[in-house]
Amino acid sequence: MSKTFTATALVAVVALGAYAIASKNASAGPDTNEKCYGIAKAQMNDCGTAAHSCAGQAATDGMAEEWLFVPKGTCEKIVGGRLATEAESKSEHNHDAM
């Protein structure tokens, strides 16, 4: 019984710590974070897209439209990370070509 209680307490402490970090990063705002597209694991995205309206609903890893908040300046250092969706990137490229 004490092993189960200890394990449960440890899991709770780790979960609360992770939640506190995630909450701080998500609420820090646009000055310290940026949306990084294409890096979210399945069901680990931060917010909705045209395909769904909620966080945690990415269907597969690395979907182009799914994003995570990351500290400013780190997105482009992550393999597959982009500061704009592929559609936005194509739109900007087409607009620049005109």
PDB file of N, CA and C in Angstrom:
ATOM      1  N   MET A   1       0.824  -1.192   0.000  1.00  0.00           N
ATOM      2  CA  MET A   1       0.000   0.000   0.000  1.00  0.00           C
ATOM      3  C   MET A   1       0.870   1.257   0.000  1.00  0.00           C
ATOM      4  N   SER A   2       1.936   1.302   0.764  1.00  0.00           N
ATOM      5  CA  SER A   2       2.770   2.494   0.816  1.00  0.00           C
ATOM      6  C   SER A   2       3.525   2.711  -0.490  1.00  0.00           C
ATOM      7  N   LYS A   3       3.874   1.638  -1.210  1.00  0.00           N
ATOM      8  CA  LYS A   3       4.528   1.786  -2.516  1.00  0.00           C
ATOM      9  C   LYS A   3       3.572   2.434  -3.512  1.00  0.00           C
ATOM     10  N   THR A   4       2.322   2.025  -3.486  1.00  0.00           N
ATOM     11  CA  THR A   4       1.318   2.593  -4.382  1.00  0.00           C
ATOM     12  C   THR A   4       1.104   4.069  -4.067  1.00  0.00           C
ATOM     13  N   PHE A   5       1.010   4.393  -2.775  1.00  0.00           N
ATOM     14  CA  PHE A   5       0.827   5.787  -2.378  1.00  0.00           C
ATOM     15  C   PHE A   5       2.024   6.632  -2.801  1.00  0.00           C
ATOM     16  N   THR A   6       3.217   6.126  -2.588  1.00  0.00           N
ATOM     17  CA  THR A   6       4.431   6.855  -2.965  1.00  0.00           C
ATOM     18  C   THR A   6       4.493   7.072  -4.469  1.00  0.00           C
ATOM     19  N   ALA A   7       4.186   6.033  -5.236  1.00  0.00           N
ATOM     20  CA  ALA A   7       4.199   6.158  -6.697  1.00  0.00           C
ATOM     21  C   ALA A   7       3.160   7.164  -7.163  1.00  0.00           C
ATOM     22  N   THR A   8       1.976   7.109  -6.575  1.00  0.00           N
ATOM     23  CA  THR A   8       0.912   8.043  -6.945  1.00  0.00           C
ATOM     24  C   THR A   8       1.307   9.477  -6.598  1.00  0.00           C
ATOM     25  N   ALA A   9       1.894   9.675  -5.437  1.00  0.00           N
ATOM     26  CA  ALA A   9       2.328  11.012  -5.030  1.00  0.00           C
ATOM     27  C   ALA A   9       3.408  11.535  -5.965  1.00  0.00           C
ATOM     28  N   LEU A  10       4.343  10.681  -6.333  1.00  0.00           N
ATOM     29  CA  LEU A  10       5.410  11.089  -7.236  1.00  0.00           C
ATOM     30  C   LEU A  10       4.848  11.492  -8.601  1.00  0.00           C
ATOM     31  N   VAL A  11       3.928  10.703  -9.128  1.00  0.00           N
ATOM     32  CA  VAL A  11       3.299  11.029 -10.412  1.00  0.00           C
ATOM     33  C   VAL A  11       2.563  12.362 -10.316  1.00  0.00           C
ATOM     34  N   ALA A  12       1.882  12.598  -9.213  1.00  0.00           N
ATOM     35  CA  ALA A  12       1.145  13.853  -9.033  1.00  0.00           C
ATOM     36  C   ALA A  12       2.095  15.048  -9.003  1.00  0.00           C
ATOM     37  N   VAL A  13       3.209  14.918  -8.309  1.00  0.00           N
ATOM     38  CA  VAL A  13       4.181  16.019  -8.236  1.00  0.00           C
ATOM     39  C   VAL A  13       4.756  16.316  -9.616  1.00  0.00           C
ATOM     40  N   VAL A  14       5.123  15.278 -10.356  1.00  0.00           N
ATOM     41  CA  VAL A  14       5.674  15.467 -11.701  1.00  0.00           C
ATOM     42  C   VAL A  14       4.626  16.096 -12.615  1.00  0.00           C
ATOM     43  N   ALA A  15       3.389  15.619 -12.543  1.00  0.00           N
ATOM     44  CA  ALA A  15       2.320  16.157 -13.389  1.00  0.00           C
ATOM     45  C   ALA A  15       2.057  17.630 -13.066  1.00  0.00           C
ATOM     46  N   LEU A  16       2.032  17.987 -11.793  1.00  0.00           N
ATOM     47  CA  LEU A  16       1.806  19.381 -11.422  1.00  0.00           C
ATOM     48  C   LEU A  16       2.943  20.275 -11.902  1.00  0.00           C
ATOM     49  N   GLY A  17       4.167  19.779 -11.804  1.00  0.00           N
ATOM     50  CA  GLY A  17       5.309  20.544 -12.296  1.00  0.00           C
ATOM     51  C   GLY A  17       5.239  20.777 -13.789  1.00  0.00           C
ATOM     52  N   ALA A  18       4.911  19.725 -14.530  1.00  0.00           N
ATOM     53  CA  ALA A  18       4.780  19.844 -15.986  1.00  0.00           C
ATOM     54  C   ALA A  18       3.650  20.800 -16.346  1.00  0.00           C
ATOM     55  N   TYR A  19       2.532  20.707 -15.624  1.00  0.00           N
ATOM     56  CA  TYR A  19       1.407  21.595 -15.886  1.00  0.00           C
ATOM     57  C   TYR A  19       1.790  23.050 -15.613  1.00  0.00           C
ATOM     58  N   ALA A  20       2.507  23.289 -14.535  1.00  0.00           N
ATOM     59  CA  ALA A  20       2.914  24.655 -14.204  1.00  0.00           C
ATOM     60  C   ALA A  20       3.821  25.233 -15.276  1.00  0.00           C
ATOM     61  N   ILE A  21       4.753  24.443 -15.767  1.00  0.00           N
ATOM     62  CA  ILE A  21       5.660  24.903 -16.824  1.00  0.00           C
ATOM     63  C   ILE A  21       4.880  25.181 -18.098  1.00  0.00           C
ATOM     64  N   ALA A  22       4.007  24.253 -18.484  1.00  0.00           N
ATOM     65  CA  ALA A  22       3.213  24.432 -19.705  1.00  0.00           C
ATOM     66  C   ALA A  22       2.310  25.649 -19.597  1.00  0.00           C
ATOM     67  N   SER A  23       1.685  25.833 -18.439  1.00  0.00           N
ATOM     68  CA  SER A  23       0.799  26.987 -18.255  1.00  0.00           C
ATOM     69  C   SER A  23       1.579  28.289 -18.342  1.00  0.00           C
ATOM     70  N   LYS A  24       2.752  28.324 -17.731  1.00  0.00           N
ATOM     71  CA  LYS A  24       3.572  29.529 -17.775  1.00  0.00           C
ATOM     72  C   LYS A  24       3.984  29.843 -19.206  1.00  0.00           C
ATOM     73  N   ASN A  25       4.425  28.819 -19.956  1.00  0.00           N
ATOM     74  CA  ASN A  25       4.841  29.040 -21.341  1.00  0.00           C
ATOM     75  C   ASN A  25       3.680  29.467 -22.214  1.00  0.00           C
ATOM     76  N   ALA A  26       2.523  28.864 -22.050  1.00  0.00           N
ATOM     77  CA  ALA A  26       1.375  29.193 -22.895  1.00  0.00           C
ATOM     78  C   ALA A  26       0.822  30.578 -22.573  1.00  0.00           C
ATOM     79  N   SER A  27       0.906  30.976 -21.309  1.00  0.00           N
ATOM     80  CA  SER A  27       0.343  32.272 -20.937  1.00  0.00           C
ATOM     81  C   SER A  27       1.361  33.398 -20.994  1.00  0.00           C
ATOM     82  N   ALA A  28       2.601  33.078 -21.302  1.00  0.00           N
ATOM     83  CA  ALA A  28       3.633  34.114 -21.316  1.00  0.00           C
ATOM     84  C   ALA A  28       3.376  35.157 -22.391  1.00  0.00           C
ATOM     85  N   GLY A  29       2.669  34.768 -23.433  1.00  0.00           N
ATOM     86  CA  GLY A  29       2.257  35.731 -24.431  1.00  0.00           C
ATOM     87  C   GLY A  29       3.174  35.830 -25.628  1.00  0.00           C
ATOM     88  N   PRO A  30       2.775  36.669 -26.568  1.00  0.00           N
ATOM     89  CA  PRO A  30       3.482  36.767 -27.838  1.00  0.00           C
ATOM     90  C   PRO A  30       4.881  37.357 -27.738  1.00  0.00           C
ATOM     91  N   ASP A  31       5.181  38.049 -26.658  1.00  0.00           N
ATOM     92  CA  ASP A  31       6.504  38.658 -26.535  1.00  0.00           C
ATOM     93  C   ASP A  31       7.601  37.634 -26.270  1.00  0.00           C
ATOM     94  N   THR A  32       7.240  36.512 -25.664  1.00  0.00           N
ATOM     95  CA  THR A  32       8.251  35.525 -25.313  1.00  0.00           C
ATOM     96  C   THR A  32       8.114  34.208 -26.070  1.00  0.00           C
ATOM     97  N   ASN A  33       6.968  33.971 -26.677  1.00  0.00           N
ATOM     98  CA  ASN A  33       6.721  32.722 -27.393  1.00  0.00           C
ATOM     99  C   ASN A  33       6.294  32.987 -28.826  1.00  0.00           C
ATOM    100  N   GLU A  34       6.438  31.957 -29.642  1.00  0.00           N
ATOM    101  CA  GLU A  34       5.967  32.036 -31.024  1.00  0.00           C
ATOM    102  C   GLU A  34       5.341  30.700 -31.398  1.00  0.00           C
ATOM    103  N   LYS A  35       4.427  30.751 -32.368  1.00  0.00           N
ATOM    104  CA  LYS A  35       3.825  29.525 -32.867  1.00  0.00           C
ATOM    105  C   LYS A  35       4.826  28.840 -33.780  1.00  0.00           C
ATOM    106  N   CYS A  36       5.031  27.556 -33.532  1.00  0.00           N
ATOM    107  CA  CYS A  36       5.943  26.780 -34.360  1.00  0.00           C
ATOM    108  C   CYS A  36       5.140  25.650 -35.004  1.00  0.00           C
ATOM    109  N   TYR A  37       4.999  25.717 -36.309  1.00  0.00           N
ATOM    110  CA  TYR A  37       4.184  24.765 -37.065  1.00  0.00           C
ATOM    111  C   TYR A  37       4.997  23.548 -37.489  1.00  0.00           C
ATOM    112  N   GLY A  38       4.313  22.410 -37.553  1.00  0.00           N
ATOM    113  CA  GLY A  38       4.898  21.193 -38.109  1.00  0.00           C
ATOM    114  C   GLY A  38       5.685  20.341 -37.136  1.00  0.00           C
ATOM    115  N   ILE A  39       5.690  20.683 -35.859  1.00  0.00           N
ATOM    116  CA  ILE A  39       6.508  19.917 -34.907  1.00  0.00           C
ATOM    117  C   ILE A  39       5.687  19.172 -33.863  1.00  0.00           C
ATOM    118  N   ALA A  40       4.382  19.388 -33.831  1.00  0.00           N
ATOM    119  CA  ALA A  40       3.559  18.783 -32.778  1.00  0.00           C
ATOM    120  C   ALA A  40       3.417  17.282 -32.977  1.00  0.00           C
ATOM    121  N   LYS A  41       3.526  16.555 -31.904  1.00  0.00           N
ATOM    122  CA  LYS A  41       3.246  15.122 -31.904  1.00  0.00           C
ATOM    123  C   LYS A  41       1.734  14.940 -31.909  1.00  0.00           C
ATOM    124  N   ALA A  42       1.284  13.761 -32.300  1.00  0.00           N
ATOM    125  CA  ALA A  42      -0.146  13.459 -32.300  1.00  0.00           C
ATOM    126  C   ALA A  42      -0.734  13.738 -30.919  1.00  0.00           C
ATOM    127  N   GLN A  43      -1.836  14.445 -30.887  1.00  0.00           N
ATOM    128  CA  GLN A  43      -2.594  14.806 -29.689  1.00  0.00           C
ATOM    129  C   GLN A  43      -1.806  15.680 -28.705  1.00  0.00           C
ATOM    130  N   MET A  44      -0.765  16.371 -29.184  1.00  0.00           N
ATOM    131  CA  MET A  44       0.035  17.223 -28.310  1.00  0.00           C
ATOM    132  C   MET A  44       0.106  18.664 -28.812  1.00  0.00           C
ATOM    133  N   ASN A  45      -0.756  19.052 -29.754  1.00  0.00           N
ATOM    134  CA  ASN A  45      -0.762  20.414 -30.281  1.00  0.00           C
ATOM    135  C   ASN A  45      -1.324  21.383 -29.249  1.00  0.00           C
ATOM    136  N   ASP A  46      -0.995  22.670 -29.405  1.00  0.00           N
ATOM    137  CA  ASP A  46      -1.422  23.668 -28.428  1.00  0.00           C
ATOM    138  C   ASP A  46      -2.789  24.284 -28.693  1.00  0.00           C
ATOM    139  N   CYS A  47      -3.264  24.277 -29.921  1.00  0.00           N
ATOM    140  CA  CYS A  47      -4.547  24.921 -30.166  1.00  0.00           C
ATOM    141  C   CYS A  47      -5.199  24.375 -31.427  1.00  0.00           C
ATOM    142  N   GLY A  48      -6.359  24.893 -31.758  1.00  0.00           N
ATOM    143  CA  GLY A  48      -7.126  24.425 -32.890  1.00  0.00           C
ATOM    144  C   GLY A  48      -6.588  24.886 -34.239  1.00  0.00           C
ATOM    145  N   THR A  49      -7.119  24.265 -35.285  1.00  0.00           N
ATOM    146  CA  THR A  49      -6.796  24.608 -36.672  1.00  0.00           C
ATOM    147  C   THR A  49      -8.092  24.626 -37.457  1.00  0.00           C
ATOM    148  N   ALA A  50      -7.994  24.677 -38.766  1.00  0.00           N
ATOM    149  CA  ALA A  50      -9.193  24.608 -39.601  1.00  0.00           C
ATOM    150  C   ALA A  50      -9.850  23.229 -39.493  1.00  0.00           C
ATOM    151  N   ALA A  51      -9.077  22.209 -39.134  1.00  0.00           N
ATOM    152  CA  ALA A  51      -9.599  20.845 -39.056  1.00  0.00           C
ATOM    153  C   ALA A  51     -10.279  20.531 -37.721  1.00  0.00           C
ATOM    154  N   HIS A  52      -9.974  21.266 -36.663  1.00  0.00           N
ATOM    155  CA  HIS A  52     -10.558  21.033 -35.339  1.00  0.00           C
ATOM    156  C   HIS A  52     -10.419  22.303 -34.508  1.00  0.00           C
ATOM    157  N   SER A  53     -11.079  22.314 -33.360  1.00  0.00           N
ATOM    158  CA  SER A  53     -11.110  23.558 -32.592  1.00  0.00           C
ATOM    159  C   SER A  53     -10.370  23.513 -31.254  1.00  0.00           C
ATOM    160  N   CYS A  54      -9.713  22.419 -30.941  1.00  0.00           N
ATOM    161  CA  CYS A  54      -9.128  22.318 -29.607  1.00  0.00           C
ATOM    162  C   CYS A  54      -7.699  21.818 -29.600  1.00  0.00           C
ATOM    163  N   ALA A  55      -7.015  22.126 -28.524  1.00  0.00           N
ATOM    164  CA  ALA A  55      -5.677  21.584 -28.295  1.00  0.00           C
ATOM    165  C   ALA A  55      -5.789  20.079 -28.085  1.00  0.00           C
ATOM    166  N   GLY A  56      -4.718  19.381 -28.391  1.00  0.00           N
ATOM    167  CA  GLY A  56      -4.680  17.946 -28.156  1.00  0.00           C
ATOM    168  C   GLY A  56      -5.429  17.118 -29.173  1.00  0.00           C
ATOM    169  N   GLN A  57      -5.743  17.682 -30.328  1.00  0.00           N
ATOM    170  CA  GLN A  57      -6.501  16.933 -31.326  1.00  0.00           C
ATOM    171  C   GLN A  57      -5.737  16.687 -32.619  1.00  0.00           C
ATOM    172  N   ALA A  58      -4.436  16.900 -32.646  1.00  0.00           N
ATOM    173  CA  ALA A  58      -3.642  16.594 -33.838  1.00  0.00           C
ATOM    174  C   ALA A  58      -3.735  15.091 -34.105  1.00  0.00           C
ATOM    175  N   ALA A  59      -4.029  14.724 -35.340  1.00  0.00           N
ATOM    176  CA  ALA A  59      -4.240  13.318 -35.675  1.00  0.00           C
ATOM    177  C   ALA A  59      -2.939  12.526 -35.779  1.00  0.00           C
ATOM    178  N   THR A  60      -1.901  13.137 -36.323  1.00  0.00           N
ATOM    179  CA  THR A  60      -0.625  12.437 -36.493  1.00  0.00           C
ATOM    180  C   THR A  60       0.530  13.379 -36.173  1.00  0.00           C
ATOM    181  N   ASP A  61       1.704  12.815 -36.025  1.00  0.00           N
ATOM    182  CA  ASP A  61       2.906  13.602 -35.751  1.00  0.00           C
ATOM    183  C   ASP A  61       3.254  14.491 -36.939  1.00  0.00           C
ATOM    184  N   GLY A  62       3.723  15.706 -36.662  1.00  0.00           N
ATOM    185  CA  GLY A  62       4.293  16.576 -37.681  1.00  0.00           C
ATOM    186  C   GLY A  62       3.337  17.150 -38.707  1.00  0.00           C
ATOM    187  N   MET A  63       2.043  17.212 -38.400  1.00  0.00           N
ATOM    188  CA  MET A  63       1.093  17.785 -39.358  1.00  0.00           C
ATOM    189  C   MET A  63       1.432  19.256 -39.603  1.00  0.00           C
ATOM    190  N   ALA A  64       1.377  19.669 -40.852  1.00  0.00           N
ATOM    191  CA  ALA A  64       1.815  21.014 -41.257  1.00  0.00           C
ATOM    192  C   ALA A  64       1.040  22.142 -40.584  1.00  0.00           C
ATOM    193  N   GLU A  65      -0.239  21.961 -40.323  1.00  0.00           N
ATOM    194  CA  GLU A  65      -1.068  23.026 -39.762  1.00  0.00           C
ATOM    195  C   GLU A  65      -1.070  23.050 -38.231  1.00  0.00           C
ATOM    196  N   GLU A  66      -0.565  22.004 -37.594  1.00  0.00           N
ATOM    197  CA  GLU A  66      -0.555  21.939 -36.133  1.00  0.00           C
ATOM    198  C   GLU A  66       0.639  22.717 -35.587  1.00  0.00           C
ATOM    199  N   TRP A  67       0.468  23.314 -34.421  1.00  0.00           N
ATOM    200  CA  TRP A  67       1.542  24.132 -33.871  1.00  0.00           C
ATOM    201  C   TRP A  67       1.649  23.994 -32.364  1.00  0.00           C
ATOM    202  N   LEU A  68       2.808  24.413 -31.873  1.00  0.00           N
ATOM    203  CA  LEU A  68       3.100  24.492 -30.444  1.00  0.00           C
ATOM    204  C   LEU A  68       3.690  25.858 -30.160  1.00  0.00           C
ATOM    205  N   PHE A  69       3.446  26.388 -28.961  1.00  0.00           N
ATOM    206  CA  PHE A  69       4.161  27.580 -28.530  1.00  0.00           C
ATOM    207  C   PHE A  69       5.561  27.150 -28.121  1.00  0.00           C
ATOM    208  N   VAL A  70       6.555  27.846 -28.612  1.00  0.00           N
ATOM    209  CA  VAL A  70       7.947  27.606 -28.229  1.00  0.00           C
ATOM    210  C   VAL A  70       8.575  28.958 -27.904  1.00  0.00           C
ATOM    211  N   PRO A  71       9.638  28.968 -27.118  1.00  0.00           N
ATOM    212  CA  PRO A  71      10.307  30.241 -26.840  1.00  0.00           C
ATOM    213  C   PRO A  71      10.765  30.907 -28.140  1.00  0.00           C
ATOM    214  N   LYS A  72      10.581  32.211 -28.223  1.00  0.00           N
ATOM    215  CA  LYS A  72      10.958  32.954 -29.418  1.00  0.00           C
ATOM    216  C   LYS A  72      12.396  32.654 -29.815  1.00  0.00           C
ATOM    217  N   GLY A  73      12.599  32.447 -31.118  1.00  0.00           N
ATOM    218  CA  GLY A  73      13.930  32.197 -31.644  1.00  0.00           C
ATOM    219  C   GLY A  73      14.325  30.732 -31.712  1.00  0.00           C
ATOM    220  N   THR A  74      13.465  29.835 -31.220  1.00  0.00           N
ATOM    221  CA  THR A  74      13.849  28.420 -31.238  1.00  0.00           C
ATOM    222  C   THR A  74      13.173  27.613 -32.336  1.00  0.00           C
ATOM    223  N   CYS A  75      12.075  28.076 -32.878  1.00  0.00           N
ATOM    224  CA  CYS A  75      11.311  27.285 -33.849  1.00  0.00           C
ATOM    225  C   CYS A  75      12.155  26.861 -35.047  1.00  0.00           C
ATOM    226  N   GLU A  76      12.841  27.801 -35.634  1.00  0.00           N
ATOM    227  CA  GLU A  76      13.591  27.487 -36.841  1.00  0.00           C
ATOM    228  C   GLU A  76      14.829  26.628 -36.558  1.00  0.00           C
ATOM    229  N   LYS A  77      15.143  26.424 -35.283  1.00  0.00           N
ATOM    230  CA  LYS A  77      16.237  25.535 -34.907  1.00  0.00           C
ATOM    231  C   LYS A  77      15.766  24.084 -34.779  1.00  0.00           C
ATOM    232  N   ILE A  78      14.455  23.873 -34.773  1.00  0.00           N
ATOM    233  CA  ILE A  78      13.869  22.538 -34.621  1.00  0.00           C
ATOM    234  C   ILE A  78      13.628  21.951 -36.009  1.00  0.00           C
ATOM    235  N   VAL A  79      14.067  20.722 -36.212  1.00  0.00           N
ATOM    236  CA  VAL A  79      13.880  20.067 -37.510  1.00  0.00           C
ATOM    237  C   VAL A  79      12.389  20.043 -37.844  1.00  0.00           C
ATOM    238  N   GLY A  80      12.026  20.577 -38.987  1.00  0.00           N
ATOM    239  CA  GLY A  80      10.631  20.614 -39.425  1.00  0.00           C
ATOM    240  C   GLY A  80       9.857  21.813 -38.922  1.00  0.00           C
ATOM    241  N   GLY A  81      10.440  22.619 -38.050  1.00  0.00           N
ATOM    242  CA  GLY A  81       9.737  23.770 -37.486  1.00  0.00           C
ATOM    243  C   GLY A  81       9.651  24.924 -38.475  1.00  0.00           C
ATOM    244  N   ARG A  82       8.466  25.552 -38.536  1.00  0.00           N
ATOM    245  CA  ARG A  82       8.232  26.706 -39.405  1.00  0.00           C
ATOM    246  C   ARG A  82       7.430  27.738 -38.626  1.00  0.00           C
ATOM    247  N   LEU A  83       7.683  29.010 -38.922  1.00  0.00           N
ATOM    248  CA  LEU A  83       6.955  30.085 -38.253  1.00  0.00           C
ATOM    249  C   LEU A  83       5.621  30.387 -38.917  1.00  0.00           C
ATOM    250  N   ALA A  84       5.362  29.805 -40.066  1.00  0.00           N
ATOM    251  CA  ALA A  84       4.089  29.989 -40.764  1.00  0.00           C
ATOM    252  C   ALA A  84       3.630  28.630 -41.270  1.00  0.00           C
ATOM    253  N   THR A  85       2.330  28.501 -41.499  1.00  0.00           N
ATOM    254  CA  THR A  85       1.827  27.261 -42.076  1.00  0.00           C
ATOM    255  C   THR A  85       2.330  27.161 -43.511  1.00  0.00           C
ATOM    256  N   GLU A  86       2.273  25.985 -44.087  1.00  0.00           N
ATOM    257  CA  GLU A  86       2.696  25.830 -45.478  1.00  0.00           C
ATOM    258  C   GLU A  86       1.843  26.695 -46.397  1.00  0.00           C
ATOM    259  N   ALA A  87       0.543  26.783 -46.119  1.00  0.00           N
ATOM    260  CA  ALA A  87      -0.344  27.601 -46.944  1.00  0.00           C
ATOM    261  C   ALA A  87       0.059  29.073 -46.869  1.00  0.00           C
ATOM    262  N   GLU A  88       0.383  29.557 -45.676  1.00  0.00           N
ATOM    263  CA  GLU A  88       0.809  30.950 -45.530  1.00  0.00           C
ATOM    264  C   GLU A  88       2.134  31.184 -46.247  1.00  0.00           C
ATOM    265  N   SER A  89       3.049  30.230 -46.143  1.00  0.00           N
ATOM    266  CA  SER A  89       4.344  30.350 -46.811  1.00  0.00           C
ATOM    267  C   SER A  89       4.178  30.415 -48.320  1.00  0.00           C
ATOM    268  N   LYS A  90       3.303  29.558 -48.871  1.00  0.00           N
ATOM    269  CA  LYS A  90       3.057  29.555 -50.315  1.00  0.00           C
ATOM    270  C   LYS A  90       2.401  30.857 -50.746  1.00  0.00           C
ATOM    271  N   SER A  91       1.479  31.357 -49.934  1.00  0.00           N
ATOM    272  CA  SER A  91       0.794  32.605 -50.247  1.00  0.00           C
ATOM    273  C   SER A  91       1.777  33.766 -50.279  1.00  0.00           C
ATOM    274  N   GLU A  92       2.675  33.820 -49.293  1.00  0.00           N
ATOM    275  CA  GLU A  92       3.681  34.874 -49.266  1.00  0.00           C
ATOM    276  C   GLU A  92       4.611  34.769 -50.464  1.00  0.00           C
ATOM    277  N   HIS A  93       4.997  33.550 -50.815  1.00  0.00           N
ATOM    278  CA  HIS A  93       5.898  33.334 -51.944  1.00  0.00           C
ATOM    279  C   HIS A  93       5.226  33.773 -53.257  1.00  0.00           C
ATOM    280  N   ASN A  94       3.959  33.420 -53.432  1.00  0.00           N
ATOM    281  CA  ASN A  94       3.222  33.812 -54.628  1.00  0.00           C
ATOM    282  C   ASN A  94       3.034  35.319 -54.679  1.00  0.00           C
ATOM    283  N   HIS A  95       2.791  35.934 -53.524  1.00  0.00           N
ATOM    284  CA  HIS A  95       2.602  37.390 -53.463  1.00  0.00           C
ATOM    285  C   HIS A  95       3.920  38.112 -53.800  1.00  0.00           C
ATOM    286  N   ASP A  96       5.044  37.580 -53.328  1.00  0.00           N
ATOM    287  CA  ASP A  96       6.343  38.197 -53.619  1.00  0.00           C
ATOM    288  C   ASP A  96       6.704  38.078 -55.088  1.00  0.00           C
ATOM    289  N   ALA A  97       6.240  37.028 -55.755  1.00  0.00           N
ATOM    290  CA  ALA A  97       6.575  36.797 -57.163  1.00  0.00           C
ATOM    291  C   ALA A  97       5.818  37.761 -58.081  1.00  0.00           C
ATOM    292  N   MET A  98       4.759  38.389 -57.576  1.00  0.00           N
ATOM    293  CA  MET A  98       3.937  39.263 -58.413  1.00  0.00           C
ATOM    294  C   MET A  98       4.544  40.614 -58.567  1.00  0.00           C
TER     295      MET A  98
END
